[in-house]
Amino acid sequence: MARLLIKGAEEALGTDTAGAKIFSNAKLVRVVNTNAAAQLVTLVEAVGGSVIGSFTLASGDSVELEKEPLNGIFAADATVKASPIGYTQ
């Protein structure tokens, strides 16, 4: 059975590409929407870089987002939070 590893503190996401977070070069990040409304989450090539893609995260939902180490993540609202994670056997 795999176990979830928390690799860093939960942080509020920035709200634009300049405020994107890379989470210490993490490749796997848990993103949770604590807002009462759905929020757009965006993945960028690097902090301040071009958009790779985005998705809408429903209120109260979470996802595990796989990314490249220097990719940044930001959201439409700072109530979307994230933390770097990993798995172990």
PDB file of N, CA and C in Angstrom:
ATOM      1  N   MET A   1       0.840  -1.176   0.000  1.00  0.00           N
ATOM      2  CA  MET A   1       0.000   0.000   0.000  1.00  0.00           C
ATOM      3  C   MET A   1       0.885   1.240   0.000  1.00  0.00           C
ATOM      4  N   ALA A   2       0.634   2.148  -0.915  1.00  0.00           N
ATOM      5  CA  ALA A   2       1.390   3.399  -0.981  1.00  0.00           C
ATOM      6  C   ALA A   2       0.932   4.351   0.117  1.00  0.00           C
ATOM      7  N   ARG A   3       1.870   5.121   0.632  1.00  0.00           N
ATOM      8  CA  ARG A   3       1.560   6.120   1.649  1.00  0.00           C
ATOM      9  C   ARG A   3       1.861   7.502   1.102  1.00  0.00           C
ATOM     10  N   LEU A   4       1.019   8.443   1.442  1.00  0.00           N
ATOM     11  CA  LEU A   4       1.180   9.832   1.011  1.00  0.00           C
ATOM     12  C   LEU A   4       2.228  10.513   1.879  1.00  0.00           C
ATOM     13  N   LEU A   5       3.163  11.199   1.227  1.00  0.00           N
ATOM     14  CA  LEU A   5       4.173  11.978   1.925  1.00  0.00           C
ATOM     15  C   LEU A   5       3.875  13.455   1.738  1.00  0.00           C
ATOM     16  N   ILE A   6       3.814  14.201   2.806  1.00  0.00           N
ATOM     17  CA  ILE A   6       3.680  15.647   2.736  1.00  0.00           C
ATOM     18  C   ILE A   6       5.107  16.198   2.707  1.00  0.00           C
ATOM     19  N   LYS A   7       5.446  16.924   1.645  1.00  0.00           N
ATOM     20  CA  LYS A   7       6.819  17.389   1.464  1.00  0.00           C
ATOM     21  C   LYS A   7       7.009  18.871   1.743  1.00  0.00           C
ATOM     22  N   GLY A   8       5.962  19.551   2.169  1.00  0.00           N
ATOM     23  CA  GLY A   8       6.083  20.976   2.462  1.00  0.00           C
ATOM     24  C   GLY A   8       4.780  21.526   2.987  1.00  0.00           C
ATOM     25  N   ALA A   9       4.839  22.742   3.466  1.00  0.00           N
ATOM     26  CA  ALA A   9       3.668  23.397   4.042  1.00  0.00           C
ATOM     27  C   ALA A   9       2.656  23.771   2.963  1.00  0.00           C
ATOM     28  N   GLU A  10       1.389  23.768   3.342  1.00  0.00           N
ATOM     29  CA  GLU A  10       0.331  24.232   2.450  1.00  0.00           C
ATOM     30  C   GLU A  10       0.465  25.751   2.298  1.00  0.00           C
ATOM     31  N   GLU A  11       0.315  26.224   1.064  1.00  0.00           N
ATOM     32  CA  GLU A  11       0.413  27.650   0.780  1.00  0.00           C
ATOM     33  C   GLU A  11      -0.745  28.090  -0.095  1.00  0.00           C
ATOM     34  N   ALA A  12      -1.180  29.332   0.082  1.00  0.00           N
ATOM     35  CA  ALA A  12      -2.163  29.915  -0.826  1.00  0.00           C
ATOM     36  C   ALA A  12      -1.471  30.159  -2.160  1.00  0.00           C
ATOM     37  N   LEU A  13      -2.145  29.832  -3.261  1.00  0.00           N
ATOM     38  CA  LEU A  13      -1.580  30.071  -4.575  1.00  0.00           C
ATOM     39  C   LEU A  13      -1.646  31.556  -4.921  1.00  0.00           C
ATOM     40  N   GLY A  14      -0.676  32.021  -5.709  1.00  0.00           N
ATOM     41  CA  GLY A  14      -0.715  33.368  -6.238  1.00  0.00           C
ATOM     42  C   GLY A  14      -1.861  33.480  -7.230  1.00  0.00           C
ATOM     43  N   THR A  15      -2.173  34.696  -7.645  1.00  0.00           N
ATOM     44  CA  THR A  15      -3.324  34.903  -8.524  1.00  0.00           C
ATOM     45  C   THR A  15      -2.952  35.341  -9.942  1.00  0.00           C
ATOM     46  N   ASP A  16      -1.664  35.261 -10.282  1.00  0.00           N
ATOM     47  CA  ASP A  16      -1.241  35.546 -11.654  1.00  0.00           C
ATOM     48  C   ASP A  16       0.087  34.842 -11.914  1.00  0.00           C
ATOM     49  N   THR A  17       0.534  34.879 -13.162  1.00  0.00           N
ATOM     50  CA  THR A  17       1.748  34.137 -13.522  1.00  0.00           C
ATOM     51  C   THR A  17       2.972  34.611 -12.743  1.00  0.00           C
ATOM     52  N   ALA A  18       3.046  35.892 -12.420  1.00  0.00           N
ATOM     53  CA  ALA A  18       4.177  36.403 -11.638  1.00  0.00           C
ATOM     54  C   ALA A  18       4.152  35.880 -10.203  1.00  0.00           C
ATOM     55  N   GLY A  19       2.968  35.534  -9.704  1.00  0.00           N
ATOM     56  CA  GLY A  19       2.824  35.017  -8.344  1.00  0.00           C
ATOM     57  C   GLY A  19       2.717  33.501  -8.285  1.00  0.00           C
ATOM     58  N   ALA A  20       2.969  32.834  -9.403  1.00  0.00           N
ATOM     59  CA  ALA A  20       2.887  31.371  -9.436  1.00  0.00           C
ATOM     60  C   ALA A  20       3.905  30.761  -8.471  1.00  0.00           C
ATOM     61  N   LYS A  21       3.599  29.582  -7.979  1.00  0.00           N
ATOM     62  CA  LYS A  21       4.481  28.890  -7.033  1.00  0.00           C
ATOM     63  C   LYS A  21       5.012  27.610  -7.677  1.00  0.00           C
ATOM     64  N   ILE A  22       6.281  27.288  -7.370  1.00  0.00           N
ATOM     65  CA  ILE A  22       6.871  26.047  -7.892  1.00  0.00           C
ATOM     66  C   ILE A  22       6.999  24.976  -6.812  1.00  0.00           C
ATOM     67  N   PHE A  23       6.778  25.324  -5.563  1.00  0.00           N
ATOM     68  CA  PHE A  23       6.817  24.377  -4.443  1.00  0.00           C
ATOM     69  C   PHE A  23       8.126  23.600  -4.384  1.00  0.00           C
ATOM     70  N   SER A  24       9.224  24.336  -4.303  1.00  0.00           N
ATOM     71  CA  SER A  24      10.562  23.746  -4.159  1.00  0.00           C
ATOM     72  C   SER A  24      10.850  22.692  -5.216  1.00  0.00           C
ATOM     73  N   ASN A  25      10.465  22.983  -6.450  1.00  0.00           N
ATOM     74  CA  ASN A  25      10.710  22.091  -7.589  1.00  0.00           C
ATOM     75  C   ASN A  25       9.970  20.760  -7.493  1.00  0.00           C
ATOM     76  N   ALA A  26       8.876  20.728  -6.750  1.00  0.00           N
ATOM     77  CA  ALA A  26       8.082  19.497  -6.608  1.00  0.00           C
ATOM     78  C   ALA A  26       7.521  19.059  -7.958  1.00  0.00           C
ATOM     79  N   LYS A  27       7.393  17.748  -8.142  1.00  0.00           N
ATOM     80  CA  LYS A  27       6.798  17.200  -9.360  1.00  0.00           C
ATOM     81  C   LYS A  27       5.342  16.806  -9.150  1.00  0.00           C
ATOM     82  N   LEU A  28       4.908  16.713  -7.890  1.00  0.00           N
ATOM     83  CA  LEU A  28       3.530  16.354  -7.576  1.00  0.00           C
ATOM     84  C   LEU A  28       3.019  17.285  -6.489  1.00  0.00           C
ATOM     85  N   VAL A  29       1.878  17.932  -6.756  1.00  0.00           N
ATOM     86  CA  VAL A  29       1.329  18.935  -5.837  1.00  0.00           C
ATOM     87  C   VAL A  29      -0.159  18.659  -5.633  1.00  0.00           C
ATOM     88  N   ARG A  30      -0.600  18.662  -4.381  1.00  0.00           N
ATOM     89  CA  ARG A  30      -2.031  18.542  -4.076  1.00  0.00           C
ATOM     90  C   ARG A  30      -2.604  19.949  -4.035  1.00  0.00           C
ATOM     91  N   VAL A  31      -3.650  20.186  -4.836  1.00  0.00           N
ATOM     92  CA  VAL A  31      -4.302  21.486  -4.931  1.00  0.00           C
ATOM     93  C   VAL A  31      -5.724  21.344  -4.402  1.00  0.00           C
ATOM     94  N   VAL A  32      -6.147  22.230  -3.498  1.00  0.00           N
ATOM     95  CA  VAL A  32      -7.492  22.173  -2.933  1.00  0.00           C
ATOM     96  C   VAL A  32      -8.152  23.552  -3.025  1.00  0.00           C
ATOM     97  N   ASN A  33      -9.414  23.551  -3.412  1.00  0.00           N
ATOM     98  CA  ASN A  33     -10.190  24.791  -3.499  1.00  0.00           C
ATOM     99  C   ASN A  33     -11.011  24.948  -2.227  1.00  0.00           C
ATOM    100  N   THR A  34     -10.636  25.899  -1.376  1.00  0.00           N
ATOM    101  CA  THR A  34     -11.371  26.139  -0.129  1.00  0.00           C
ATOM    102  C   THR A  34     -12.435  27.222  -0.297  1.00  0.00           C
ATOM    103  N   ASN A  35     -12.588  27.745  -1.505  1.00  0.00           N
ATOM    104  CA  ASN A  35     -13.562  28.784  -1.801  1.00  0.00           C
ATOM    105  C   ASN A  35     -14.952  28.169  -1.978  1.00  0.00           C
ATOM    106  N   ALA A  36     -15.998  28.958  -1.775  1.00  0.00           N
ATOM    107  CA  ALA A  36     -17.378  28.491  -1.953  1.00  0.00           C
ATOM    108  C   ALA A  36     -17.764  28.384  -3.425  1.00  0.00           C
ATOM    109  N   ALA A  37     -16.930  28.898  -4.317  1.00  0.00           N
ATOM    110  CA  ALA A  37     -17.203  28.854  -5.757  1.00  0.00           C
ATOM    111  C   ALA A  37     -16.069  28.123  -6.478  1.00  0.00           C
ATOM    112  N   ALA A  38     -16.359  27.602  -7.645  1.00  0.00           N
ATOM    113  CA  ALA A  38     -15.335  26.976  -8.483  1.00  0.00           C
ATOM    114  C   ALA A  38     -14.272  28.008  -8.846  1.00  0.00           C
ATOM    115  N   GLN A  39     -13.028  27.575  -8.980  1.00  0.00           N
ATOM    116  CA  GLN A  39     -11.920  28.482  -9.285  1.00  0.00           C
ATOM    117  C   GLN A  39     -11.055  27.909 -10.401  1.00  0.00           C
ATOM    118  N   LEU A  40     -10.530  28.772 -11.244  1.00  0.00           N
ATOM    119  CA  LEU A  40      -9.630  28.387 -12.315  1.00  0.00           C
ATOM    120  C   LEU A  40      -8.226  28.223 -11.752  1.00  0.00           C
ATOM    121  N   VAL A  41      -7.564  27.108 -12.095  1.00  0.00           N
ATOM    122  CA  VAL A  41      -6.189  26.826 -11.695  1.00  0.00           C
ATOM    123  C   VAL A  41      -5.367  26.744 -12.981  1.00  0.00           C
ATOM    124  N   THR A  42      -4.206  27.403 -12.989  1.00  0.00           N
ATOM    125  CA  THR A  42      -3.402  27.492 -14.206  1.00  0.00           C
ATOM    126  C   THR A  42      -1.981  27.007 -13.955  1.00  0.00           C
ATOM    127  N   LEU A  43      -1.462  26.232 -14.911  1.00  0.00           N
ATOM    128  CA  LEU A  43      -0.087  25.743 -14.889  1.00  0.00           C
ATOM    129  C   LEU A  43       0.708  26.549 -15.912  1.00  0.00           C
ATOM    130  N   VAL A  44       1.872  27.079 -15.493  1.00  0.00           N
ATOM    131  CA  VAL A  44       2.727  27.874 -16.376  1.00  0.00           C
ATOM    132  C   VAL A  44       4.105  27.235 -16.486  1.00  0.00           C
ATOM    133  N   GLU A  45       4.811  27.555 -17.571  1.00  0.00           N
ATOM    134  CA  GLU A  45       6.134  26.971 -17.817  1.00  0.00           C
ATOM    135  C   GLU A  45       7.116  27.281 -16.690  1.00  0.00           C
ATOM    136  N   ALA A  46       7.044  28.489 -16.167  1.00  0.00           N
ATOM    137  CA  ALA A  46       7.899  28.948 -15.067  1.00  0.00           C
ATOM    138  C   ALA A  46       7.214  30.158 -14.450  1.00  0.00           C
ATOM    139  N   VAL A  47       7.661  30.578 -13.272  1.00  0.00           N
ATOM    140  CA  VAL A  47       7.108  31.781 -12.663  1.00  0.00           C
ATOM    141  C   VAL A  47       7.288  32.934 -13.650  1.00  0.00           C
ATOM    142  N   GLY A  48       6.196  33.604 -13.974  1.00  0.00           N
ATOM    143  CA  GLY A  48       6.228  34.689 -14.944  1.00  0.00           C
ATOM    144  C   GLY A  48       6.208  34.209 -16.385  1.00  0.00           C
ATOM    145  N   GLY A  49       6.095  32.893 -16.593  1.00  0.00           N
ATOM    146  CA  GLY A  49       6.174  32.321 -17.933  1.00  0.00           C
ATOM    147  C   GLY A  49       4.838  32.107 -18.613  1.00  0.00           C
ATOM    148  N   SER A  50       4.907  31.452 -19.766  1.00  0.00           N
ATOM    149  CA  SER A  50       3.735  31.186 -20.606  1.00  0.00           C
ATOM    150  C   SER A  50       2.839  30.114 -20.004  1.00  0.00           C
ATOM    151  N   VAL A  51       1.552  30.229 -20.295  1.00  0.00           N
ATOM    152  CA  VAL A  51       0.559  29.275 -19.803  1.00  0.00           C
ATOM    153  C   VAL A  51       0.676  27.955 -20.563  1.00  0.00           C
ATOM    154  N   ILE A  52       0.713  26.855 -19.811  1.00  0.00           N
ATOM    155  CA  ILE A  52       0.676  25.508 -20.383  1.00  0.00           C
ATOM    156  C   ILE A  52      -0.770  25.065 -20.533  1.00  0.00           C
ATOM    157  N   GLY A  53      -1.569  25.303 -19.482  1.00  0.00           N
ATOM    158  CA  GLY A  53      -2.975  24.923 -19.502  1.00  0.00           C
ATOM    159  C   GLY A  53      -3.643  25.299 -18.198  1.00  0.00           C
ATOM    160  N   SER A  54      -4.950  25.124 -18.156  1.00  0.00           N
ATOM    161  CA  SER A  54      -5.704  25.446 -16.945  1.00  0.00           C
ATOM    162  C   SER A  54      -6.917  24.534 -16.839  1.00  0.00           C
ATOM    163  N   PHE A  55      -7.503  24.498 -15.645  1.00  0.00           N
ATOM    164  CA  PHE A  55      -8.705  23.714 -15.397  1.00  0.00           C
ATOM    165  C   PHE A  55      -9.504  24.381 -14.295  1.00  0.00           C
ATOM    166  N   THR A  56     -10.786  24.070 -14.234  1.00  0.00           N
ATOM    167  CA  THR A  56     -11.651  24.602 -13.191  1.00  0.00           C
ATOM    168  C   THR A  56     -11.764  23.572 -12.079  1.00  0.00           C
ATOM    169  N   LEU A  57     -11.507  24.000 -10.848  1.00  0.00           N
ATOM    170  CA  LEU A  57     -11.580  23.142  -9.674  1.00  0.00           C
ATOM    171  C   LEU A  57     -12.818  23.527  -8.871  1.00  0.00           C
ATOM    172  N   ALA A  58     -13.729  22.588  -8.716  1.00  0.00           N
ATOM    173  CA  ALA A  58     -14.983  22.839  -8.001  1.00  0.00           C
ATOM    174  C   ALA A  58     -14.733  23.158  -6.531  1.00  0.00           C
ATOM    175  N   SER A  59     -15.682  23.848  -5.929  1.00  0.00           N
ATOM    176  CA  SER A  59     -15.614  24.189  -4.513  1.00  0.00           C
ATOM    177  C   SER A  59     -15.438  22.928  -3.670  1.00  0.00           C
ATOM    178  N   GLY A  60     -14.452  22.947  -2.776  1.00  0.00           N
ATOM    179  CA  GLY A  60     -14.216  21.833  -1.876  1.00  0.00           C
ATOM    180  C   GLY A  60     -13.464  20.661  -2.486  1.00  0.00           C
ATOM    181  N   ASP A  61     -13.212  20.690  -3.785  1.00  0.00           N
ATOM    182  CA  ASP A  61     -12.509  19.587  -4.445  1.00  0.00           C
ATOM    183  C   ASP A  61     -11.000  19.753  -4.343  1.00  0.00           C
ATOM    184  N   SER A  62     -10.304  18.631  -4.554  1.00  0.00           N
ATOM    185  CA  SER A  62      -8.845  18.656  -4.613  1.00  0.00           C
ATOM    186  C   SER A  62      -8.380  17.743  -5.737  1.00  0.00           C
ATOM    187  N   VAL A  63      -7.180  18.014  -6.239  1.00  0.00           N
ATOM    188  CA  VAL A  63      -6.557  17.185  -7.266  1.00  0.00           C
ATOM    189  C   VAL A  63      -5.080  17.048  -6.936  1.00  0.00           C
ATOM    190  N   GLU A  64      -4.481  16.000  -7.480  1.00  0.00           N
ATOM    191  CA  GLU A  64      -3.037  15.838  -7.420  1.00  0.00           C
ATOM    192  C   GLU A  64      -2.516  16.201  -8.798  1.00  0.00           C
ATOM    193  N   LEU A  65      -1.772  17.287  -8.876  1.00  0.00           N
ATOM    194  CA  LEU A  65      -1.295  17.826 -10.141  1.00  0.00           C
ATOM    195  C   LEU A  65       0.164  17.436 -10.345  1.00  0.00           C
ATOM    196  N   GLU A  66       0.424  16.696 -11.428  1.00  0.00           N
ATOM    197  CA  GLU A  66       1.798  16.342 -11.782  1.00  0.00           C
ATOM    198  C   GLU A  66       2.347  17.434 -12.698  1.00  0.00           C
ATOM    199  N   LYS A  67       3.563  17.884 -12.414  1.00  0.00           N
ATOM    200  CA  LYS A  67       4.162  18.979 -13.171  1.00  0.00           C
ATOM    201  C   LYS A  67       5.662  18.774 -13.265  1.00  0.00           C
ATOM    202  N   GLU A  68       6.298  19.538 -14.124  1.00  0.00           N
ATOM    203  CA  GLU A  68       7.757  19.553 -14.182  1.00  0.00           C
ATOM    204  C   GLU A  68       8.279  20.408 -13.023  1.00  0.00           C
ATOM    205  N   PRO A  69       9.500  20.158 -12.548  1.00  0.00           N
ATOM    206  CA  PRO A  69      10.002  20.870 -11.361  1.00  0.00           C
ATOM    207  C   PRO A  69       9.904  22.393 -11.396  1.00  0.00           C
ATOM    208  N   LEU A  70      10.156  23.024 -12.533  1.00  0.00           N
ATOM    209  CA  LEU A  70      10.134  24.489 -12.580  1.00  0.00           C
ATOM    210  C   LEU A  70       8.808  25.071 -13.043  1.00  0.00           C
ATOM    211  N   ASN A  71       7.815  24.214 -13.336  1.00  0.00           N
ATOM    212  CA  ASN A  71       6.487  24.715 -13.682  1.00  0.00           C
ATOM    213  C   ASN A  71       5.874  25.382 -12.460  1.00  0.00           C
ATOM    214  N   GLY A  72       5.149  26.481 -12.685  1.00  0.00           N
ATOM    215  CA  GLY A  72       4.468  27.190 -11.612  1.00  0.00           C
ATOM    216  C   GLY A  72       2.966  26.974 -11.683  1.00  0.00           C
ATOM    217  N   ILE A  73       2.309  27.187 -10.559  1.00  0.00           N
ATOM    218  CA  ILE A  73       0.857  27.045 -10.459  1.00  0.00           C
ATOM    219  C   ILE A  73       0.297  28.317  -9.839  1.00  0.00           C
ATOM    220  N   PHE A  74      -0.794  28.828 -10.420  1.00  0.00           N
ATOM    221  CA  PHE A  74      -1.518  29.927  -9.786  1.00  0.00           C
ATOM    222  C   PHE A  74      -3.010  29.690  -9.966  1.00  0.00           C
ATOM    223  N   ALA A  75      -3.825  30.453  -9.242  1.00  0.00           N
ATOM    224  CA  ALA A  75      -5.277  30.269  -9.280  1.00  0.00           C
ATOM    225  C   ALA A  75      -5.971  31.626  -9.361  1.00  0.00           C
ATOM    226  N   ALA A  76      -7.243  31.593  -9.694  1.00  0.00           N
ATOM    227  CA  ALA A  76      -8.024  32.822  -9.816  1.00  0.00           C
ATOM    228  C   ALA A  76      -8.245  33.503  -8.460  1.00  0.00           C
ATOM    229  N   ASP A  77      -8.085  32.759  -7.375  1.00  0.00           N
ATOM    230  CA  ASP A  77      -8.317  33.312  -6.038  1.00  0.00           C
ATOM    231  C   ASP A  77      -7.342  32.677  -5.053  1.00  0.00           C
ATOM    232  N   ALA A  78      -6.861  33.445  -4.094  1.00  0.00           N
ATOM    233  CA  ALA A  78      -5.878  32.954  -3.121  1.00  0.00           C
ATOM    234  C   ALA A  78      -6.462  31.945  -2.134  1.00  0.00           C
ATOM    235  N   THR A  79      -7.775  31.682  -2.206  1.00  0.00           N
ATOM    236  CA  THR A  79      -8.361  30.652  -1.342  1.00  0.00           C
ATOM    237  C   THR A  79      -8.078  29.250  -1.876  1.00  0.00           C
ATOM    238  N   VAL A  80      -7.465  29.158  -3.056  1.00  0.00           N
ATOM    239  CA  VAL A  80      -7.000  27.866  -3.564  1.00  0.00           C
ATOM    240  C   VAL A  80      -5.610  27.655  -2.985  1.00  0.00           C
ATOM    241  N   LYS A  81      -5.422  26.516  -2.329  1.00  0.00           N
ATOM    242  CA  LYS A  81      -4.177  26.237  -1.624  1.00  0.00           C
ATOM    243  C   LYS A  81      -3.534  24.982  -2.183  1.00  0.00           C
ATOM    244  N   ALA A  82      -2.243  24.828  -1.949  1.00  0.00           N
ATOM    245  CA  ALA A  82      -1.544  23.660  -2.470  1.00  0.00           C
ATOM    246  C   ALA A  82      -0.368  23.312  -1.582  1.00  0.00           C
ATOM    247  N   SER A  83       0.071  22.053  -1.671  1.00  0.00           N
ATOM    248  CA  SER A  83       1.266  21.606  -0.978  1.00  0.00           C
ATOM    249  C   SER A  83       1.937  20.511  -1.793  1.00  0.00           C
ATOM    250  N   PRO A  84       3.271  20.467  -1.750  1.00  0.00           N
ATOM    251  CA  PRO A  84       3.990  19.421  -2.466  1.00  0.00           C
ATOM    252  C   PRO A  84       3.801  18.081  -1.755  1.00  0.00           C
ATOM    253  N   ILE A  85       3.617  17.028  -2.548  1.00  0.00           N
ATOM    254  CA  ILE A  85       3.398  15.697  -1.989  1.00  0.00           C
ATOM    255  C   ILE A  85       4.222  14.675  -2.769  1.00  0.00           C
ATOM    256  N   GLY A  86       4.230  13.465  -2.271  1.00  0.00           N
ATOM    257  CA  GLY A  86       4.853  12.335  -2.937  1.00  0.00           C
ATOM    258  C   GLY A  86       4.231  11.061  -2.381  1.00  0.00           C
ATOM    259  N   TYR A  87       4.685   9.935  -2.886  1.00  0.00           N
ATOM    260  CA  TYR A  87       4.191   8.643  -2.415  1.00  0.00           C
ATOM    261  C   TYR A  87       5.370   7.739  -2.114  1.00  0.00           C
ATOM    262  N   THR A  88       5.199   6.833  -1.164  1.00  0.00           N
ATOM    263  CA  THR A  88       6.178   5.835  -0.824  1.00  0.00           C
ATOM    264  C   THR A  88       5.478   4.493  -0.670  1.00  0.00           C
ATOM    265  N   GLN A  89       6.207   3.436  -0.814  1.00  0.00           N
ATOM    266  CA  GLN A  89       5.635   2.080  -0.672  1.00  0.00           C
ATOM    267  C   GLN A  89       5.794   1.598   0.741  1.00  0.00           C
TER     268      GLN A  89
END
